[in-house]
Amino acid sequence: MPRRGELRRSEDEPPSLQMVLSGGVGVLAVVVFVTALAFGTEVGDPPSGARLGVVAAAGPAGAAIAVPRCRAERVVKVEVRQVDGPTLWRVVSPKGSIDERYVVGSGDPPFGFVVDVPAPVPLPPGPLTAVVALAGEPFDDVDEVTFDPAEVPASGVRYRGRDVDMATFDAHAAGAADCQEPGRDLGLVTWLFVAAALGVVVTYAMMVVRYLRGRARTR
């Protein structure tokens, strides 16, 4: 059985370099995890059209633009033009709208919108480009999508060149919108993780200090 003096000497021995390095990796992993949990991740430059879908609708083009939005966002403009051509139809809303569906070429837009450019009758065939502008927090956004009204499915959504169901479209569009709101409540569980991470960092700092003191004594 080791004596009390021997136990005290072993506890006073500084940690090895290997322990410091491996501990640093563990601390870094904890800090990264808690930071992601507390502040979330941001969507970086989603591709064009990632927020918009096209669905079948009764209207001049037989299609409507689906615009899932964040709670703090408002749609302020929907425009349809020929690919590399003139604007065929545009509706605008000075105050913005919470509507998430806009019938292409309609002369009766959602409440709060006015027709800025009326659609020709009939609309020309072939691909069209829709441009949607949204205003809101934390920043304004503009997205556009090119589609052919003749290829819009009778059910489901035309999304980024393929047909998907509504649930799939909503999930992808929500991810592209990145609706995390600034100043949100982190919650008790998250704060507990933050406190635990701080404890880990402090403990590691104490280990590094012991290591450095040990090296200084051996010189």
C-alpha atoms as a PDB file:
ATOM      1  CA  MET A   1       0.000   0.000   0.000  1.00  0.00           C
ATOM      2  CA  PRO A   2       1.530   3.363  -1.066  1.00  0.00           C
ATOM      3  CA  ARG A   3       2.272   5.823   1.678  1.00  0.00           C
ATOM      4  CA  ARG A   4       0.572   9.206   1.994  1.00  0.00           C
ATOM      5  CA  GLY A   5       3.725  11.064   0.950  1.00  0.00           C
ATOM      6  CA  GLU A   6       4.055   8.952  -2.182  1.00  0.00           C
ATOM      7  CA  LEU A   7       0.420   9.685  -3.141  1.00  0.00           C
ATOM      8  CA  ARG A   8       0.996  13.411  -2.669  1.00  0.00           C
ATOM      9  CA  ARG A   9       4.087  13.346  -4.877  1.00  0.00           C
ATOM     10  CA  SER A  10       2.197  11.522  -7.679  1.00  0.00           C
ATOM     11  CA  GLU A  11      -0.612  14.071  -7.536  1.00  0.00           C
ATOM     12  CA  ASP A  12       1.896  16.916  -7.789  1.00  0.00           C
ATOM     13  CA  GLU A  13       3.547  15.464 -10.883  1.00  0.00           C
ATOM     14  CA  PRO A  14       2.773  17.615 -13.939  1.00  0.00           C
ATOM     15  CA  PRO A  15       0.796  16.085 -16.823  1.00  0.00           C
ATOM     16  CA  SER A  16       2.703  14.808 -19.816  1.00  0.00           C
ATOM     17  CA  LEU A  17       2.769  16.525 -23.198  1.00  0.00           C
ATOM     18  CA  GLN A  18       0.615  13.707 -24.608  1.00  0.00           C
ATOM     19  CA  MET A  19      -2.064  14.383 -21.978  1.00  0.00           C
ATOM     20  CA  VAL A  20      -2.022  18.101 -22.770  1.00  0.00           C
ATOM     21  CA  LEU A  21      -2.371  17.520 -26.517  1.00  0.00           C
ATOM     22  CA  SER A  22      -5.128  14.909 -26.238  1.00  0.00           C
ATOM     23  CA  GLY A  23      -6.938  17.080 -23.695  1.00  0.00           C
ATOM     24  CA  GLY A  24      -6.762  20.029 -26.062  1.00  0.00           C
ATOM     25  CA  VAL A  25      -8.431  18.029 -28.820  1.00  0.00           C
ATOM     26  CA  GLY A  26     -11.226  17.042 -26.444  1.00  0.00           C
ATOM     27  CA  VAL A  27     -11.741  20.614 -25.253  1.00  0.00           C
ATOM     28  CA  LEU A  28     -11.875  21.891 -28.832  1.00  0.00           C
ATOM     29  CA  ALA A  29     -14.541  19.312 -29.691  1.00  0.00           C
ATOM     30  CA  VAL A  30     -16.632  20.341 -26.690  1.00  0.00           C
ATOM     31  CA  VAL A  31     -16.343  24.055 -27.512  1.00  0.00           C
ATOM     32  CA  VAL A  32     -17.309  23.515 -31.159  1.00  0.00           C
ATOM     33  CA  PHE A  33     -20.309  21.386 -30.180  1.00  0.00           C
ATOM     34  CA  VAL A  34     -21.625  23.862 -27.606  1.00  0.00           C
ATOM     35  CA  THR A  35     -21.062  26.831 -29.932  1.00  0.00           C
ATOM     36  CA  ALA A  36     -23.070  25.133 -32.689  1.00  0.00           C
ATOM     37  CA  LEU A  37     -25.790  24.243 -30.191  1.00  0.00           C
ATOM     38  CA  ALA A  38     -26.019  27.757 -28.759  1.00  0.00           C
ATOM     39  CA  PHE A  39     -25.731  29.850 -31.885  1.00  0.00           C
ATOM     40  CA  GLY A  40     -26.739  27.441 -34.617  1.00  0.00           C
ATOM     41  CA  THR A  41     -25.344  27.240 -38.118  1.00  0.00           C
ATOM     42  CA  GLU A  42     -26.023  29.558 -40.998  1.00  0.00           C
ATOM     43  CA  VAL A  43     -26.883  28.681 -44.539  1.00  0.00           C
ATOM     44  CA  GLY A  44     -24.060  29.784 -46.819  1.00  0.00           C
ATOM     45  CA  ASP A  45     -25.128  31.090 -50.227  1.00  0.00           C
ATOM     46  CA  PRO A  46     -27.929  28.651 -51.194  1.00  0.00           C
ATOM     47  CA  PRO A  47     -28.183  28.040 -54.945  1.00  0.00           C
ATOM     48  CA  SER A  48     -30.527  30.078 -57.109  1.00  0.00           C
ATOM     49  CA  GLY A  49     -34.107  28.838 -56.909  1.00  0.00           C
ATOM     50  CA  ALA A  50     -33.592  27.015 -53.618  1.00  0.00           C
ATOM     51  CA  ARG A  51     -36.403  28.991 -51.965  1.00  0.00           C
ATOM     52  CA  LEU A  52     -38.963  28.820 -54.779  1.00  0.00           C
ATOM     53  CA  GLY A  53     -41.210  26.147 -56.260  1.00  0.00           C
ATOM     54  CA  VAL A  54     -43.769  26.068 -59.068  1.00  0.00           C
ATOM     55  CA  VAL A  55     -47.164  24.407 -58.710  1.00  0.00           C
ATOM     56  CA  ALA A  56     -50.140  23.933 -61.018  1.00  0.00           C
ATOM     57  CA  ALA A  57     -52.839  26.599 -60.775  1.00  0.00           C
ATOM     58  CA  ALA A  58     -55.820  27.929 -62.660  1.00  0.00           C
ATOM     59  CA  GLY A  59     -54.472  31.016 -64.402  1.00  0.00           C
ATOM     60  CA  PRO A  60     -53.013  32.411 -67.631  1.00  0.00           C
ATOM     61  CA  ALA A  61     -49.868  30.265 -67.365  1.00  0.00           C
ATOM     62  CA  GLY A  62     -51.404  27.319 -65.506  1.00  0.00           C
ATOM     63  CA  ALA A  63     -48.808  27.769 -62.783  1.00  0.00           C
ATOM     64  CA  ALA A  64     -48.201  29.550 -59.489  1.00  0.00           C
ATOM     65  CA  ILE A  65     -44.989  30.447 -57.660  1.00  0.00           C
ATOM     66  CA  ALA A  66     -44.745  28.904 -54.182  1.00  0.00           C
ATOM     67  CA  VAL A  67     -42.750  31.064 -51.756  1.00  0.00           C
ATOM     68  CA  PRO A  68     -42.269  29.569 -48.276  1.00  0.00           C
ATOM     69  CA  ARG A  69     -41.066  32.399 -46.042  1.00  0.00           C
ATOM     70  CA  CYS A  70     -39.755  33.044 -42.560  1.00  0.00           C
ATOM     71  CA  ARG A  71     -42.135  34.428 -39.949  1.00  0.00           C
ATOM     72  CA  ALA A  72     -40.456  37.850 -40.042  1.00  0.00           C
ATOM     73  CA  GLU A  73     -40.393  38.044 -43.852  1.00  0.00           C
ATOM     74  CA  ARG A  74     -42.884  39.624 -46.239  1.00  0.00           C
ATOM     75  CA  VAL A  75     -43.092  39.166 -50.008  1.00  0.00           C
ATOM     76  CA  VAL A  76     -42.783  42.578 -51.698  1.00  0.00           C
ATOM     77  CA  LYS A  77     -42.425  41.680 -55.374  1.00  0.00           C
ATOM     78  CA  VAL A  78     -43.139  38.807 -57.745  1.00  0.00           C
ATOM     79  CA  GLU A  79     -42.011  39.194 -61.342  1.00  0.00           C
ATOM     80  CA  VAL A  80     -42.115  36.855 -64.330  1.00  0.00           C
ATOM     81  CA  ARG A  81     -40.146  37.486 -67.483  1.00  0.00           C
ATOM     82  CA  GLN A  82     -38.985  35.670 -70.562  1.00  0.00           C
ATOM     83  CA  VAL A  83     -35.558  34.093 -70.172  1.00  0.00           C
ATOM     84  CA  ASP A  84     -33.126  36.878 -71.129  1.00  0.00           C
ATOM     85  CA  GLY A  85     -36.144  38.857 -72.245  1.00  0.00           C
ATOM     86  CA  PRO A  86     -38.628  41.522 -71.152  1.00  0.00           C
ATOM     87  CA  THR A  87     -40.789  41.450 -68.041  1.00  0.00           C
ATOM     88  CA  LEU A  88     -44.164  39.876 -68.785  1.00  0.00           C
ATOM     89  CA  TRP A  89     -45.892  40.326 -65.421  1.00  0.00           C
ATOM     90  CA  ARG A  90     -45.071  41.969 -62.129  1.00  0.00           C
ATOM     91  CA  VAL A  91     -46.965  42.549 -58.890  1.00  0.00           C
ATOM     92  CA  VAL A  92     -45.652  44.630 -55.991  1.00  0.00           C
ATOM     93  CA  SER A  93     -46.661  45.284 -52.403  1.00  0.00           C
ATOM     94  CA  PRO A  94     -45.323  48.360 -50.569  1.00  0.00           C
ATOM     95  CA  LYS A  95     -46.012  46.854 -47.128  1.00  0.00           C
ATOM     96  CA  GLY A  96     -45.312  43.241 -48.060  1.00  0.00           C
ATOM     97  CA  SER A  97     -47.541  40.194 -47.905  1.00  0.00           C
ATOM     98  CA  ILE A  98     -47.612  36.927 -45.960  1.00  0.00           C
ATOM     99  CA  ASP A  99     -49.103  35.034 -48.920  1.00  0.00           C
ATOM    100  CA  GLU A 100     -46.959  32.132 -50.111  1.00  0.00           C
ATOM    101  CA  ARG A 101     -48.619  31.404 -53.476  1.00  0.00           C
ATOM    102  CA  TYR A 102     -48.769  33.711 -56.518  1.00  0.00           C
ATOM    103  CA  VAL A 103     -50.637  32.751 -59.696  1.00  0.00           C
ATOM    104  CA  VAL A 104     -48.486  33.683 -62.688  1.00  0.00           C
ATOM    105  CA  GLY A 105     -50.139  36.316 -64.873  1.00  0.00           C
ATOM    106  CA  SER A 106     -53.128  36.862 -62.581  1.00  0.00           C
ATOM    107  CA  GLY A 107     -54.843  40.237 -62.770  1.00  0.00           C
ATOM    108  CA  ASP A 108     -56.202  39.690 -59.258  1.00  0.00           C
ATOM    109  CA  PRO A 109     -53.124  39.377 -57.013  1.00  0.00           C
ATOM    110  CA  PRO A 110     -53.235  38.658 -53.255  1.00  0.00           C
ATOM    111  CA  PHE A 111     -54.386  41.359 -50.834  1.00  0.00           C
ATOM    112  CA  GLY A 112     -51.951  44.234 -50.548  1.00  0.00           C
ATOM    113  CA  PHE A 113     -50.472  43.737 -54.018  1.00  0.00           C
ATOM    114  CA  VAL A 114     -50.991  45.857 -57.107  1.00  0.00           C
ATOM    115  CA  VAL A 115     -50.330  44.840 -60.708  1.00  0.00           C
ATOM    116  CA  ASP A 116     -47.323  46.851 -61.856  1.00  0.00           C
ATOM    117  CA  VAL A 117     -46.965  45.103 -65.236  1.00  0.00           C
ATOM    118  CA  PRO A 118     -50.097  43.319 -66.532  1.00  0.00           C
ATOM    119  CA  ALA A 119     -49.545  40.004 -68.312  1.00  0.00           C
ATOM    120  CA  PRO A 120     -50.084  39.740 -72.068  1.00  0.00           C
ATOM    121  CA  VAL A 121     -52.869  37.460 -73.280  1.00  0.00           C
ATOM    122  CA  PRO A 122     -51.872  34.815 -73.984  1.00  0.00           C
ATOM    123  CA  LEU A 123     -48.514  34.434 -72.303  1.00  0.00           C
ATOM    124  CA  PRO A 124     -45.808  33.332 -74.740  1.00  0.00           C
ATOM    125  CA  PRO A 125     -44.905  29.618 -74.606  1.00  0.00           C
ATOM    126  CA  GLY A 126     -41.564  28.348 -73.405  1.00  0.00           C
ATOM    127  CA  PRO A 127     -39.397  28.800 -70.321  1.00  0.00           C
ATOM    128  CA  LEU A 128     -40.007  31.706 -67.970  1.00  0.00           C
ATOM    129  CA  THR A 129     -38.007  33.187 -65.118  1.00  0.00           C
ATOM    130  CA  ALA A 130     -39.721  34.154 -61.868  1.00  0.00           C
ATOM    131  CA  VAL A 131     -38.073  36.622 -59.482  1.00  0.00           C
ATOM    132  CA  VAL A 132     -39.312  37.037 -55.911  1.00  0.00           C
ATOM    133  CA  ALA A 133     -38.173  39.734 -53.470  1.00  0.00           C
ATOM    134  CA  LEU A 134     -38.695  39.399 -49.714  1.00  0.00           C
ATOM    135  CA  ALA A 135     -38.162  41.974 -46.979  1.00  0.00           C
ATOM    136  CA  GLY A 136     -37.571  41.110 -43.339  1.00  0.00           C
ATOM    137  CA  GLU A 137     -35.173  40.160 -40.574  1.00  0.00           C
ATOM    138  CA  PRO A 138     -32.298  39.523 -40.394  1.00  0.00           C
ATOM    139  CA  PHE A 139     -31.917  40.695 -44.006  1.00  0.00           C
ATOM    140  CA  ASP A 140     -33.813  41.108 -47.274  1.00  0.00           C
ATOM    141  CA  ASP A 141     -33.585  38.387 -49.889  1.00  0.00           C
ATOM    142  CA  VAL A 142     -34.166  37.889 -53.609  1.00  0.00           C
ATOM    143  CA  ASP A 143     -34.448  34.544 -55.355  1.00  0.00           C
ATOM    144  CA  GLU A 144     -35.289  33.471 -58.877  1.00  0.00           C
ATOM    145  CA  VAL A 145     -36.180  30.295 -60.688  1.00  0.00           C
ATOM    146  CA  THR A 146     -36.482  29.373 -64.371  1.00  0.00           C
ATOM    147  CA  PHE A 147     -39.255  26.956 -65.310  1.00  0.00           C
ATOM    148  CA  ASP A 148     -41.393  25.823 -68.228  1.00  0.00           C
ATOM    149  CA  PRO A 149     -45.138  26.020 -67.448  1.00  0.00           C
ATOM    150  CA  ALA A 150     -45.686  22.986 -69.687  1.00  0.00           C
ATOM    151  CA  GLU A 151     -43.513  20.869 -67.351  1.00  0.00           C
ATOM    152  CA  VAL A 152     -45.236  21.803 -64.071  1.00  0.00           C
ATOM    153  CA  PRO A 153     -46.785  18.639 -62.561  1.00  0.00           C
ATOM    154  CA  ALA A 154     -50.516  18.417 -61.935  1.00  0.00           C
ATOM    155  CA  SER A 155     -49.728  17.538 -58.307  1.00  0.00           C
ATOM    156  CA  GLY A 156     -46.605  18.181 -56.288  1.00  0.00           C
ATOM    157  CA  VAL A 157     -44.004  20.858 -56.922  1.00  0.00           C
ATOM    158  CA  ARG A 158     -41.538  21.595 -59.673  1.00  0.00           C
ATOM    159  CA  TYR A 159     -38.403  22.317 -57.682  1.00  0.00           C
ATOM    160  CA  ARG A 160     -34.949  22.931 -59.134  1.00  0.00           C
ATOM    161  CA  GLY A 161     -35.709  21.030 -62.327  1.00  0.00           C
ATOM    162  CA  ARG A 162     -37.463  17.989 -60.837  1.00  0.00           C
ATOM    163  CA  ASP A 163     -40.844  17.038 -59.420  1.00  0.00           C
ATOM    164  CA  VAL A 164     -41.082  16.561 -55.651  1.00  0.00           C
ATOM    165  CA  ASP A 165     -43.891  16.253 -53.127  1.00  0.00           C
ATOM    166  CA  MET A 166     -44.917  19.267 -51.049  1.00  0.00           C
ATOM    167  CA  ALA A 167     -43.307  18.008 -47.833  1.00  0.00           C
ATOM    168  CA  THR A 168     -39.920  17.588 -49.538  1.00  0.00           C
ATOM    169  CA  PHE A 169     -40.172  21.035 -51.093  1.00  0.00           C
ATOM    170  CA  ASP A 170     -41.104  22.673 -47.785  1.00  0.00           C
ATOM    171  CA  ALA A 171     -38.149  21.036 -46.025  1.00  0.00           C
ATOM    172  CA  HIS A 172     -35.589  22.106 -48.642  1.00  0.00           C
ATOM    173  CA  ALA A 173     -37.002  25.626 -48.985  1.00  0.00           C
ATOM    174  CA  ALA A 174     -37.014  26.119 -45.208  1.00  0.00           C
ATOM    175  CA  GLY A 175     -33.360  25.076 -45.034  1.00  0.00           C
ATOM    176  CA  ALA A 176     -32.450  27.538 -47.784  1.00  0.00           C
ATOM    177  CA  ALA A 177     -34.396  30.352 -46.094  1.00  0.00           C
ATOM    178  CA  ASP A 178     -32.465  29.926 -42.803  1.00  0.00           C
ATOM    179  CA  CYS A 179     -35.210  31.238 -40.525  1.00  0.00           C
ATOM    180  CA  GLN A 180     -33.111  31.385 -37.354  1.00  0.00           C
ATOM    181  CA  GLU A 181     -34.054  34.570 -35.565  1.00  0.00           C
ATOM    182  CA  PRO A 182     -31.498  36.778 -33.778  1.00  0.00           C
ATOM    183  CA  GLY A 183     -31.918  37.196 -30.050  1.00  0.00           C
ATOM    184  CA  ARG A 184     -33.775  33.932 -29.540  1.00  0.00           C
ATOM    185  CA  ASP A 185     -33.921  32.319 -26.093  1.00  0.00           C
ATOM    186  CA  LEU A 186     -31.196  29.702 -25.757  1.00  0.00           C
ATOM    187  CA  GLY A 187     -33.121  27.668 -23.182  1.00  0.00           C
ATOM    188  CA  LEU A 188     -32.104  26.107 -19.870  1.00  0.00           C
ATOM    189  CA  VAL A 189     -30.561  22.951 -21.362  1.00  0.00           C
ATOM    190  CA  THR A 190     -28.334  24.974 -23.681  1.00  0.00           C
ATOM    191  CA  TRP A 191     -27.146  27.167 -20.813  1.00  0.00           C
ATOM    192  CA  LEU A 192     -26.270  24.031 -18.837  1.00  0.00           C
ATOM    193  CA  PHE A 193     -24.156  22.844 -21.776  1.00  0.00           C
ATOM    194  CA  VAL A 194     -22.460  26.261 -21.905  1.00  0.00           C
ATOM    195  CA  ALA A 195     -21.690  26.099 -18.167  1.00  0.00           C
ATOM    196  CA  ALA A 196     -20.303  22.582 -18.512  1.00  0.00           C
ATOM    197  CA  ALA A 197     -18.126  23.672 -21.435  1.00  0.00           C
ATOM    198  CA  LEU A 198     -16.730  26.556 -19.392  1.00  0.00           C
ATOM    199  CA  GLY A 199     -15.868  24.098 -16.623  1.00  0.00           C
ATOM    200  CA  VAL A 200     -14.025  21.906 -19.119  1.00  0.00           C
ATOM    201  CA  VAL A 201     -12.078  24.890 -20.460  1.00  0.00           C
ATOM    202  CA  VAL A 202     -11.090  26.025 -16.947  1.00  0.00           C
ATOM    203  CA  THR A 203      -9.973  22.517 -15.967  1.00  0.00           C
ATOM    204  CA  TYR A 204      -7.886  22.225 -19.130  1.00  0.00           C
ATOM    205  CA  ALA A 205      -6.308  25.633 -18.487  1.00  0.00           C
ATOM    206  CA  MET A 206      -5.279  24.465 -15.009  1.00  0.00           C
ATOM    207  CA  MET A 207      -3.723  21.340 -16.533  1.00  0.00           C
ATOM    208  CA  VAL A 208      -1.728  23.452 -19.002  1.00  0.00           C
ATOM    209  CA  VAL A 209      -0.480  25.656 -16.166  1.00  0.00           C
ATOM    210  CA  ARG A 210       0.679  22.571 -14.235  1.00  0.00           C
ATOM    211  CA  TYR A 211       2.444  21.286 -17.338  1.00  0.00           C
ATOM    212  CA  LEU A 212       4.266  24.574 -17.889  1.00  0.00           C
ATOM    213  CA  ARG A 213       5.298  24.807 -14.246  1.00  0.00           C
ATOM    214  CA  GLY A 214       6.595  21.265 -14.383  1.00  0.00           C
ATOM    215  CA  ARG A 215       8.710  22.045 -17.423  1.00  0.00           C
ATOM    216  CA  ALA A 216      10.077  25.139 -15.710  1.00  0.00           C
ATOM    217  CA  ARG A 217      11.161  23.097 -12.680  1.00  0.00           C
ATOM    218  CA  THR A 218      13.017  20.551 -14.818  1.00  0.00           C
ATOM    219  CA  ARG A 219      15.108  23.153 -16.623  1.00  0.00           C
END
